[in-house]
Protein backbone atom coordinates (compact mmCIF):
# COMPACT_ATOMS: atom_id res chain seq x y z
CA MET A 1 -102.73 -164.16 -55.53
CA GLN A 2 -103.63 -167.30 -53.58
CA ARG A 3 -104.26 -170.43 -55.59
CA PHE A 4 -107.71 -170.96 -54.11
CA VAL A 5 -108.80 -167.48 -55.11
CA VAL A 6 -107.48 -167.98 -58.65
CA ALA A 7 -109.29 -171.32 -58.94
CA LEU A 8 -112.49 -169.73 -57.64
CA LEU A 9 -112.33 -166.85 -60.11
CA ALA A 10 -111.63 -169.24 -62.99
CA ALA A 11 -114.60 -171.35 -61.89
CA VAL A 12 -116.80 -168.26 -62.01
CA ASP A 13 -115.53 -167.48 -65.51
CA ALA A 14 -116.33 -171.04 -66.63
CA ALA A 15 -119.82 -170.83 -65.18
CA ILE A 16 -120.40 -167.54 -66.99
CA ALA A 17 -119.17 -169.05 -70.28
CA ALA A 18 -121.63 -171.93 -70.00
CA ALA A 19 -124.48 -169.68 -68.82
CA VAL A 20 -124.03 -167.18 -71.65
CA GLY A 21 -124.22 -169.91 -74.29
CA LEU A 22 -127.32 -171.45 -72.71
CA ALA A 23 -129.00 -168.04 -72.33
CA LEU A 24 -128.44 -167.19 -75.99
CA ILE A 25 -130.43 -170.33 -76.86
CA LEU A 26 -132.99 -170.29 -74.08
CA ALA A 27 -134.15 -166.69 -74.60
CA PRO A 28 -135.30 -167.02 -78.23
CA ALA A 29 -136.56 -170.56 -77.55
CA THR A 30 -138.79 -169.20 -74.79
CA LEU A 31 -140.20 -166.59 -77.14
CA LEU A 32 -140.83 -169.31 -79.69
CA TRP A 33 -142.71 -171.36 -77.10
CA VAL A 34 -144.80 -168.36 -76.05
CA PHE A 35 -145.71 -166.89 -79.44
CA GLY A 36 -145.43 -170.02 -81.57
CA PHE A 37 -147.20 -172.63 -79.51
CA GLY A 38 -149.27 -170.45 -77.19
CA THR A 39 -151.37 -172.24 -74.60
CA ALA A 40 -150.70 -175.61 -76.26
CA ALA A 41 -146.95 -175.35 -75.59
CA ASP A 42 -145.28 -178.28 -73.89
CA TRP A 43 -143.02 -176.46 -71.48
CA SER A 44 -141.36 -179.68 -70.38
CA ALA A 45 -139.69 -179.87 -73.80
CA LEU A 46 -138.14 -176.39 -73.60
CA TRP A 47 -135.09 -177.32 -71.57
CA PRO A 48 -134.30 -180.56 -73.49
CA ALA A 49 -134.48 -178.62 -76.76
CA THR A 50 -132.17 -175.93 -75.37
CA ALA A 51 -129.72 -178.54 -74.10
CA SER A 52 -129.64 -180.33 -77.47
CA VAL A 53 -128.91 -177.11 -79.38
CA TRP A 54 -126.18 -176.17 -76.87
CA GLN A 55 -124.58 -179.58 -77.23
CA LEU A 56 -124.74 -179.42 -81.03
CA GLY A 57 -123.06 -176.03 -80.88
CA HIS A 58 -120.23 -177.66 -78.92
CA LEU A 59 -119.60 -180.34 -81.57
CA VAL A 60 -121.78 -183.07 -80.01
CA PRO A 61 -123.59 -185.13 -82.70
CA LEU A 62 -127.32 -185.66 -82.27
CA GLU A 63 -129.20 -188.78 -83.32
CA ILE A 64 -132.54 -187.48 -84.57
CA THR A 65 -135.60 -189.75 -84.50
CA LEU A 66 -138.75 -188.24 -85.98
CA PRO A 67 -142.06 -189.39 -84.49
CA PRO A 68 -144.52 -191.29 -86.76
CA ILE A 69 -147.13 -188.55 -86.50
CA TYR A 70 -144.67 -186.04 -87.96
CA LEU A 71 -143.72 -188.43 -90.78
CA THR A 72 -147.35 -188.79 -91.74
CA ALA A 73 -148.05 -185.04 -91.60
CA ALA A 74 -144.94 -184.12 -93.59
CA GLY A 75 -145.09 -187.02 -96.04
CA ILE A 76 -141.59 -188.23 -95.20
CA ASP A 77 -140.58 -191.80 -95.93
CA GLU A 78 -139.94 -194.00 -92.92
CA SER A 79 -136.37 -194.65 -94.10
CA ALA A 80 -135.59 -191.01 -93.36
CA ALA A 81 -137.07 -191.11 -89.87
CA SER A 82 -133.67 -191.51 -88.21
CA PHE A 83 -130.49 -189.66 -89.12
CA SER A 84 -127.48 -187.99 -87.56
CA LEU A 85 -127.22 -184.21 -87.14
CA SER A 86 -123.60 -183.26 -86.56
CA LEU A 87 -123.01 -180.04 -88.52
CA ALA A 88 -122.30 -177.68 -85.64
CA PRO A 89 -123.29 -174.01 -85.44
CA LEU A 90 -119.78 -172.84 -84.64
CA ALA A 91 -120.91 -169.50 -83.24
CA LEU A 92 -121.54 -171.18 -79.86
CA ALA A 93 -118.21 -173.03 -79.86
CA THR A 94 -116.41 -169.82 -80.87
CA LEU A 95 -117.98 -167.90 -78.01
CA THR A 96 -116.99 -170.56 -75.49
CA ALA A 97 -113.45 -170.77 -76.89
CA VAL A 98 -112.97 -166.98 -76.66
CA LEU A 99 -114.20 -166.86 -73.06
CA ALA A 100 -112.04 -169.88 -72.20
CA ALA A 101 -108.93 -168.22 -73.68
CA ARG A 102 -109.67 -165.14 -71.59
CA THR A 103 -109.84 -167.35 -68.50
CA GLY A 104 -106.48 -168.93 -69.35
CA VAL A 105 -104.77 -165.56 -69.79
CA ARG A 106 -106.17 -164.23 -66.51
CA ALA A 107 -105.11 -167.38 -64.66
CA SER A 108 -101.57 -167.08 -66.02
CA ARG A 109 -101.23 -163.43 -65.05
CA SER A 110 -102.48 -164.28 -61.56
CA GLU A 111 -99.34 -166.45 -61.18
CA ALA A 112 -101.33 -169.62 -60.48
CA TRP A 113 -102.30 -170.82 -63.91
CA GLU A 114 -102.46 -174.49 -62.96
CA SER A 115 -105.04 -173.83 -60.26
CA GLY A 116 -107.00 -171.56 -62.56
CA LEU A 117 -107.13 -174.14 -65.33
CA ILE A 118 -108.15 -176.91 -62.97
CA GLY A 119 -110.91 -174.82 -61.41
CA GLY A 120 -112.30 -173.60 -64.73
CA ILE A 121 -112.17 -176.94 -66.53
CA VAL A 122 -113.69 -178.87 -63.61
CA VAL A 123 -116.60 -176.45 -63.27
CA PHE A 124 -117.32 -176.31 -67.01
CA THR A 125 -117.16 -180.11 -67.24
CA ALA A 126 -119.55 -180.40 -64.30
CA LEU A 127 -121.98 -177.99 -65.96
CA ALA A 128 -121.75 -179.93 -69.25
CA ALA A 129 -122.53 -183.11 -67.30
CA GLY A 130 -125.50 -181.40 -65.69
CA VAL A 131 -126.84 -180.32 -69.07
CA ALA A 132 -126.38 -183.82 -70.48
CA LEU A 133 -128.10 -185.55 -67.56
CA THR A 134 -131.01 -183.13 -67.16
CA GLY A 135 -131.60 -182.39 -70.85
CA ALA A 136 -132.32 -185.89 -72.12
CA ASN A 137 -134.28 -185.56 -75.35
CA ALA A 138 -136.21 -188.41 -76.91
CA LEU A 139 -136.10 -186.78 -80.35
CA ALA A 140 -132.37 -185.91 -80.25
CA ALA A 141 -130.40 -188.52 -78.36
CA THR A 142 -126.72 -187.97 -77.59
CA PRO A 143 -124.09 -190.35 -76.17
CA THR A 144 -123.61 -189.23 -72.58
CA GLY A 145 -119.83 -189.50 -72.72
CA LEU A 146 -119.54 -187.32 -75.83
CA ALA A 147 -122.12 -184.88 -74.46
CA ILE A 148 -119.78 -184.25 -71.52
CA ALA A 149 -116.33 -184.65 -73.08
CA LEU A 150 -116.71 -182.54 -76.24
CA PRO A 151 -118.01 -179.35 -74.57
CA ALA A 152 -115.31 -179.78 -71.92
CA LEU A 153 -112.66 -179.98 -74.66
CA VAL A 154 -114.06 -176.87 -76.39
CA PHE A 155 -113.38 -175.01 -73.14
CA ALA A 156 -110.22 -176.79 -71.99
CA VAL A 157 -108.13 -176.61 -75.16
CA PRO A 158 -108.32 -172.80 -75.74
CA ALA A 159 -107.91 -172.12 -72.01
CA THR A 160 -104.81 -174.30 -71.79
CA LEU A 161 -103.25 -172.88 -74.96
CA ALA A 162 -103.85 -169.30 -73.82
CA ALA A 163 -102.37 -169.99 -70.38
CA VAL A 164 -99.30 -171.78 -71.75
CA VAL A 165 -98.59 -169.09 -74.36
CA THR A 166 -98.93 -166.34 -71.76
CA GLU A 167 -96.65 -168.20 -69.36
CA TRP A 168 -94.09 -168.76 -72.13
CA ARG A 169 -94.01 -165.10 -73.05
CA GLU A 170 -94.28 -163.41 -69.66
CA ALA A 171 -93.43 -165.73 -66.77
CA ASP A 172 -90.01 -165.73 -65.06
CA VAL A 173 -90.73 -168.60 -62.66
CA GLY A 174 -92.87 -171.68 -62.79
CA LEU A 175 -93.15 -174.90 -64.75
CA ILE A 176 -93.35 -173.32 -68.22
CA ALA A 177 -90.54 -170.88 -67.43
CA ARG A 178 -88.29 -173.74 -66.33
CA ALA A 179 -89.15 -175.70 -69.46
CA ARG A 180 -88.36 -172.64 -71.57
CA ASP A 181 -85.01 -172.14 -69.86
CA ALA A 182 -84.13 -175.81 -70.25
CA LEU A 183 -85.00 -175.68 -73.92
CA GLU A 184 -82.86 -172.55 -74.33
CA GLN A 185 -79.88 -174.34 -72.82
CA ARG A 186 -80.41 -177.24 -75.19
CA ILE A 187 -80.98 -175.41 -78.48
CA GLY A 188 -79.56 -171.97 -77.74
CA GLU A 189 -81.09 -168.52 -77.61
CA SER A 190 -81.57 -168.32 -81.36
CA GLY A 191 -83.30 -171.71 -81.42
CA LEU A 192 -85.65 -170.64 -78.64
CA ALA A 193 -86.45 -167.46 -80.53
CA ALA A 194 -87.20 -169.59 -83.60
CA VAL A 195 -89.71 -171.64 -81.58
CA SER A 196 -91.51 -168.50 -80.40
CA GLU A 197 -91.52 -166.95 -83.86
CA THR A 198 -92.86 -170.19 -85.36
CA ALA A 199 -95.87 -169.94 -83.07
CA ARG A 200 -96.29 -166.31 -84.11
CA GLY A 201 -96.17 -167.27 -87.79
CA VAL A 202 -98.81 -169.96 -87.31
CA GLY A 203 -101.05 -167.44 -85.57
CA ILE A 204 -100.66 -165.03 -88.49
CA VAL A 205 -101.56 -167.71 -91.04
CA VAL A 206 -104.58 -169.03 -89.13
CA ALA A 207 -105.96 -165.55 -88.43
CA GLY A 208 -105.45 -164.58 -92.07
CA PHE A 209 -107.04 -167.82 -93.27
CA ILE A 210 -110.20 -167.17 -91.26
CA GLY A 211 -110.23 -163.50 -92.25
CA ALA A 212 -109.87 -164.34 -95.94
CA GLY A 213 -112.77 -166.79 -95.63
CA ALA A 214 -114.93 -164.10 -94.01
CA ALA A 215 -114.02 -161.63 -96.76
CA LEU A 216 -114.87 -164.14 -99.50
CA LEU A 217 -118.20 -164.96 -97.84
CA THR A 218 -119.02 -161.24 -97.64
CA VAL A 219 -118.30 -160.80 -101.35
CA ALA A 220 -120.43 -163.85 -102.16
CA LEU A 221 -123.33 -162.46 -100.12
CA VAL A 222 -123.14 -159.18 -102.01
CA ILE A 223 -122.96 -160.83 -105.43
CA ARG A 224 -125.50 -163.57 -104.72
CA GLY A 225 -127.80 -161.39 -102.62
CA PRO A 226 -130.79 -161.68 -104.97
CA GLN A 227 -130.67 -165.49 -104.83
CA VAL A 228 -130.58 -165.39 -101.02
CA VAL A 229 -133.59 -163.07 -100.94
CA ALA A 230 -135.46 -165.25 -103.42
CA LEU A 231 -134.93 -168.34 -101.26
CA SER A 232 -136.12 -166.41 -98.21
CA GLN A 233 -139.31 -165.34 -99.98
CA ALA A 234 -139.93 -168.83 -101.32
CA GLY A 235 -140.13 -170.16 -97.76
CA ASN A 236 -143.34 -168.16 -97.06
CA ALA A 237 -142.40 -168.00 -93.37
CA ASP A 238 -144.21 -165.69 -90.99
CA VAL A 239 -142.43 -163.20 -88.77
CA LEU A 240 -141.74 -165.75 -86.05
CA GLY A 241 -140.51 -168.38 -88.50
CA ALA A 242 -138.33 -165.86 -90.34
CA SER A 243 -136.80 -164.77 -87.03
CA VAL A 244 -135.97 -168.36 -86.07
CA ILE A 245 -134.41 -169.00 -89.50
CA ALA A 246 -132.36 -165.79 -89.25
CA LEU A 247 -131.03 -166.72 -85.80
CA GLY A 248 -130.16 -170.20 -86.99
CA GLN A 249 -128.26 -168.85 -89.99
CA LEU A 250 -126.43 -166.39 -87.76
CA ALA A 251 -125.30 -169.28 -85.54
CA TYR A 252 -123.98 -171.11 -88.62
CA LEU A 253 -122.18 -168.06 -90.02
CA PRO A 254 -118.72 -169.09 -88.66
CA THR A 255 -119.28 -172.52 -90.19
CA LEU A 256 -119.79 -170.94 -93.60
CA VAL A 257 -116.67 -168.81 -93.07
CA VAL A 258 -114.62 -172.02 -92.80
CA TRP A 259 -116.37 -173.32 -95.94
CA ALA A 260 -115.36 -170.16 -97.80
CA ALA A 261 -111.78 -170.44 -96.54
CA SER A 262 -111.65 -174.06 -97.75
CA PHE A 263 -112.92 -172.85 -101.13
CA LEU A 264 -110.12 -170.33 -101.59
CA ALA A 265 -107.56 -172.91 -100.47
CA GLY A 266 -108.57 -175.10 -103.41
CA PRO A 267 -110.29 -178.29 -102.17
CA GLY A 268 -113.62 -176.55 -101.55
CA PHE A 269 -116.49 -178.25 -99.74
CA ALA A 270 -119.45 -180.55 -100.32
CA VAL A 271 -123.18 -179.99 -99.82
CA GLY A 272 -124.08 -183.64 -100.12
CA ALA A 273 -122.71 -186.93 -101.31
CA ALA A 274 -121.10 -186.79 -104.78
CA THR A 275 -121.15 -182.98 -104.81
CA THR A 276 -118.35 -180.45 -104.73
CA VAL A 277 -118.01 -176.67 -104.68
CA ALA A 278 -114.46 -175.66 -105.57
CA PRO A 279 -112.64 -173.17 -107.82
CA ALA A 280 -111.80 -175.97 -110.26
CA GLY A 281 -115.46 -176.82 -110.75
CA THR A 282 -118.85 -176.96 -109.07
CA GLN A 283 -121.24 -179.89 -109.10
CA VAL A 284 -124.27 -179.64 -106.84
CA GLY A 285 -127.66 -181.25 -106.82
CA VAL A 286 -130.82 -180.09 -105.09
CA LEU A 287 -129.84 -177.92 -102.13
CA PRO A 288 -131.79 -177.67 -98.87
CA PRO A 289 -134.15 -174.66 -98.87
CA VAL A 290 -131.90 -172.61 -96.61
CA PRO A 291 -131.61 -168.97 -97.74
CA LEU A 292 -127.93 -168.63 -96.82
CA LEU A 293 -127.05 -171.50 -99.16
CA GLY A 294 -127.99 -169.19 -102.02
CA VAL A 295 -124.39 -167.93 -101.94
CA ILE A 296 -123.24 -171.21 -103.50
CA PRO A 297 -122.64 -170.60 -107.22
CA GLU A 298 -124.06 -172.89 -109.88
CA SER A 299 -120.77 -172.76 -111.79
CA THR A 300 -117.26 -171.41 -111.39
CA THR A 301 -114.55 -170.03 -113.63
CA SER A 302 -110.95 -171.13 -113.84
CA TRP A 303 -109.89 -167.62 -112.80
CA LEU A 304 -110.99 -168.52 -109.29
CA LEU A 305 -107.98 -170.82 -109.06
CA LEU A 306 -105.98 -167.65 -108.39
CA LEU A 307 -107.58 -167.62 -104.95
CA ALA A 308 -105.04 -170.28 -104.01
CA LEU A 309 -102.49 -167.46 -103.95
CA VAL A 310 -104.12 -166.15 -100.77
CA PRO A 311 -102.65 -168.90 -98.52
CA VAL A 312 -99.35 -168.46 -100.35
CA ALA A 313 -99.44 -164.75 -99.53
CA LEU A 314 -100.31 -165.54 -95.91
CA GLY A 315 -97.30 -167.86 -95.74
CA ALA A 316 -95.11 -165.12 -97.25
CA LEU A 317 -96.42 -162.61 -94.70
CA ALA A 318 -95.72 -165.01 -91.84
CA GLY A 319 -92.24 -165.74 -93.23
CA TRP A 320 -91.45 -162.04 -93.58
CA MET A 321 -92.61 -161.27 -90.02
CA VAL A 322 -90.65 -164.19 -88.57
CA ARG A 323 -87.53 -163.40 -90.60
CA SER A 324 -87.58 -159.70 -89.68
CA ARG A 325 -87.74 -160.38 -85.97
CA LEU A 326 -85.13 -163.13 -86.06
CA VAL A 327 -82.72 -161.02 -88.14
CA ALA A 328 -83.15 -158.07 -85.77
CA ASP A 329 -82.37 -160.15 -82.67
CA HIS A 330 -80.11 -162.94 -83.96
CA PRO A 331 -78.50 -161.84 -87.25
CA ARG A 332 -75.51 -164.14 -87.04
CA ALA A 333 -77.54 -167.27 -86.37
CA ILE A 334 -79.94 -166.50 -89.20
CA ALA A 335 -77.10 -165.74 -91.64
CA GLU A 336 -75.48 -169.11 -91.05
CA GLY A 337 -78.57 -171.14 -90.09
CA TRP A 338 -80.02 -172.39 -93.38
CA GLY A 339 -81.25 -175.44 -91.50
CA LEU A 340 -82.87 -173.22 -88.88
CA ARG A 341 -84.74 -171.18 -91.49
CA SER A 342 -85.87 -174.33 -93.29
CA THR A 343 -87.09 -175.84 -90.02
CA VAL A 344 -89.07 -172.72 -89.17
CA ALA A 345 -90.69 -172.63 -92.62
CA GLY A 346 -91.60 -176.31 -92.42
CA ALA A 347 -92.97 -175.99 -88.89
CA VAL A 348 -95.13 -172.99 -89.82
CA ALA A 349 -96.52 -174.87 -92.83
CA LEU A 350 -97.12 -178.09 -90.91
CA LEU A 351 -98.87 -176.47 -87.96
CA SER A 352 -100.90 -174.16 -90.20
CA GLY A 353 -102.08 -177.12 -92.26
CA GLY A 354 -103.01 -178.96 -89.08
CA ALA A 355 -104.99 -175.99 -87.79
CA ALA A 356 -106.81 -175.69 -91.13
CA ALA A 357 -107.65 -179.41 -91.01
CA LEU A 358 -109.09 -179.03 -87.50
CA LEU A 359 -111.22 -176.09 -88.61
CA ALA A 360 -112.49 -178.09 -91.58
CA LEU A 361 -113.27 -181.03 -89.28
CA ALA A 362 -115.29 -178.79 -86.96
CA ALA A 363 -117.16 -177.23 -89.91
CA GLY A 364 -118.24 -180.53 -91.46
CA GLY A 365 -120.81 -183.13 -90.60
CA SER A 366 -124.29 -184.36 -91.41
CA ILE A 367 -127.55 -182.43 -91.72
CA GLY A 368 -129.92 -185.17 -92.78
CA PRO A 369 -130.39 -188.65 -94.17
CA GLY A 370 -129.01 -190.00 -97.42
CA ALA A 371 -126.88 -187.63 -99.43
CA LEU A 372 -127.05 -184.93 -96.75
CA ALA A 373 -124.90 -187.07 -94.46
CA GLN A 374 -121.76 -185.60 -96.12
CA VAL A 375 -121.62 -181.82 -95.83
CA GLY A 376 -118.66 -179.50 -95.45
CA PRO A 377 -114.94 -179.53 -96.38
CA ALA A 378 -112.69 -182.57 -96.31
CA PRO A 379 -110.21 -182.06 -93.44
CA GLY A 380 -107.34 -183.99 -95.02
CA ALA A 381 -107.52 -182.23 -98.37
CA VAL A 382 -107.84 -178.78 -96.81
CA GLY A 383 -104.95 -179.35 -94.40
CA LEU A 384 -102.68 -180.68 -97.14
CA ALA A 385 -103.49 -177.81 -99.52
CA VAL A 386 -103.02 -175.09 -96.91
CA GLY A 387 -99.78 -176.65 -95.65
CA ALA A 388 -98.29 -176.85 -99.15
CA GLU A 389 -99.34 -173.31 -100.08
CA VAL A 390 -98.04 -171.82 -96.85
CA LEU A 391 -94.76 -173.72 -97.28
CA VAL A 392 -94.22 -172.06 -100.66
CA GLY A 393 -94.77 -168.55 -99.35
CA ALA A 394 -92.92 -168.95 -96.05
CA GLY A 395 -90.07 -170.87 -97.67
CA ILE A 396 -89.38 -168.13 -100.20
CA LEU A 397 -89.26 -165.35 -97.61
CA LEU A 398 -87.23 -167.29 -95.07
CA ALA A 399 -84.73 -168.51 -97.69
CA LEU A 400 -83.76 -164.99 -98.75
CA PRO A 401 -80.42 -163.85 -97.29
CA SER A 402 -80.48 -160.69 -95.23
CA ALA A 403 -78.23 -157.71 -95.88
CA ARG A 404 -78.23 -157.12 -92.16
CA THR A 405 -76.40 -160.38 -91.44
CA ARG A 406 -72.93 -159.51 -92.77
CA GLY A 407 -70.11 -159.11 -90.31
CA ASP A 408 -69.49 -160.18 -86.77
CA ASP A 409 -71.24 -157.50 -84.73
CA THR A 410 -74.75 -156.12 -84.57
CA ASP A 411 -73.77 -153.14 -86.69
CA ALA A 412 -72.67 -155.36 -89.58
CA GLY A 413 -74.26 -154.36 -92.79
CA GLU A 414 -74.92 -150.73 -91.79
CA TRP A 415 -73.84 -148.26 -94.46
CA ARG A 416 -72.25 -145.13 -93.15
CA VAL A 417 -71.50 -141.82 -94.91
CA TRP A 418 -68.44 -139.88 -93.75
CA GLN A 419 -68.81 -136.13 -93.66
CA PRO A 420 -65.49 -134.15 -93.77
CA GLU A 421 -64.69 -131.29 -91.42
CA PRO A 422 -64.62 -127.80 -92.99
CA ASP A 423 -61.10 -126.78 -94.12
CA THR A 424 -59.89 -123.87 -92.02
CA ALA A 425 -57.44 -122.77 -94.67
CA GLU A 426 -60.23 -122.21 -97.14
CA ALA A 427 -62.18 -120.31 -94.49
CA ASP A 428 -59.20 -117.93 -94.09
CA GLY A 429 -58.84 -117.47 -97.86
CA GLY A 430 -55.49 -119.22 -98.03
CA GLY A 431 -55.18 -122.03 -100.56
CA ASP A 432 -57.65 -124.18 -102.32
CA ALA A 433 -59.19 -126.98 -100.28
CA ALA A 434 -59.71 -130.10 -102.22
CA ALA A 435 -63.00 -131.79 -101.65
CA GLU A 436 -62.54 -135.15 -100.09
CA THR A 437 -64.82 -138.04 -100.59
CA ALA A 438 -64.96 -141.29 -98.77
CA PRO A 439 -66.03 -144.62 -100.07
CA VAL A 440 -69.30 -145.95 -98.81
CA GLY A 441 -68.76 -148.36 -95.97
CA ASP A 442 -66.46 -148.38 -92.97
CA THR A 443 -64.02 -145.44 -93.37
CA PRO A 444 -60.87 -144.83 -91.32
CA ARG A 445 -60.94 -141.97 -88.88
CA ARG A 446 -58.65 -139.01 -89.57
CA GLU A 447 -57.25 -136.12 -87.65
CA THR A 448 -57.89 -132.59 -88.86
CA PRO A 449 -55.93 -129.59 -87.60
CA ASP A 450 -58.04 -126.95 -85.96
CA ASP A 451 -57.38 -123.24 -85.44
CA SER A 452 -55.34 -123.90 -82.32
CA GLY A 453 -53.05 -126.32 -84.08
CA GLY A 454 -54.39 -129.26 -82.17
CA ALA A 455 -56.06 -132.39 -83.48
CA VAL A 456 -59.73 -133.12 -83.44
CA ASP A 457 -60.70 -136.11 -81.32
CA PRO A 458 -61.30 -138.98 -83.71
CA ASP A 459 -64.47 -139.87 -81.76
CA GLN A 460 -65.87 -136.47 -82.69
CA THR A 461 -65.77 -137.25 -86.40
CA ASP A 462 -69.28 -136.63 -87.73
CA THR A 463 -70.43 -139.99 -89.00
CA GLN A 464 -74.12 -140.84 -89.22
CA PRO A 465 -75.73 -144.05 -90.37
CA LEU A 466 -77.75 -143.63 -93.49
CA PHE A 467 -80.17 -146.30 -92.26
CA PRO A 468 -80.04 -146.29 -88.44
CA HIS A 469 -80.19 -149.60 -86.58
CA PRO A 470 -83.69 -150.27 -85.23
CA ARG A 471 -82.35 -150.90 -81.75
CA ARG A 472 -80.87 -147.36 -81.80
CA GLY A 473 -83.89 -145.34 -82.64
CA GLY A 474 -84.52 -145.95 -86.32
CA GLY A 475 -85.57 -148.58 -88.77
CA SER A 476 -84.05 -149.62 -92.04
CA PRO A 477 -86.42 -149.55 -95.00
CA LEU A 478 -84.71 -152.73 -96.15
CA ASP A 479 -86.05 -154.67 -93.17
């Protein structure tokens, strides 16, 4: 496909990604303006409000300045009139990242991934600049540079990663293919396979980390459901207000998933300055009246420390998957490559910890003045804990020797059972045929007289592997 066409299609994908995010905010905001404010609605504020929410959802911090009339009506002290709002509703960023990754994959498979990335990133950046310049909000100011750069990065990073990974796995020509071939010549085929499997192991750990956080949040919602309902009823919101609160909580649901994942990793998260919610102990003050925060327990038990075994299990799963594939394709290198296995385990742990730290960074921020300026998990603590726990699990599985790696050929380690030919003398009633047994392992071939006095071809000896090689139509239960 021509490069211009690929760039054009990627630009359309980028425009759709930005438009979908804006529409998901603008539609309910319009209903709020119609049914909430009625004829007194200030329609000129609709677009700036939509732009501010979209930017916040793409990790752009907002500097909130409350007007004096609102301070007087709400009884808020003037010292709390200005604060930073940086806790992002990650549902919007997740949507953009997924659509961007889809664009990167499509650009790679169109054999012009560079053009596709350039077209998509340029268009999305231009749209982010348009939103920043046309959506100036006096109540929620944003630095223009960050308002353009951060949404562009939310699109550019997943798109680039998806395109590079697809090129690495599927392309035979091009820049990434040449880099892959050069790396293979430098470190060998087994080293190149270790690089690919390391990326696979990191993907397994990160996906499992997010999934475990979602599962823990689901359990917490079931157990703490009455508290969530009580907080919802205490708000005395009408139908419109309850709908707005529900949509806001839905947008912050991925943020809470990362909080739950940080909890099971050990460090936990904070809901204000000098507070902590962790398996080792919980210390919280007065929480904001948000119904979804009712899932936060008032106290914890030491048994919850066992949740730290979840990242260890994820590391073990990643190590087992990586080891199985490497042993199947490169048994000799894995048998002798203790350094290679150690490097793979360390790389999986390091990259997994870095990914967990980035998730914690995206899920933290400020939601108000004073103590509410520190909310969410600590990126450094979460990354260090996840990296150490994954290293334990992956290190154990990758350090185990494989029974498949004995010998010089690909069949080394296969156990074979020799089955003797029927004795013709016994079939004719002449003589007693002694039962022959063969030791387990590689057995010498033998020649057996047949009825015609000839010798059976040694290649016709009936030998079958007890556990067939996976490359030959079977799989060993030991793998």
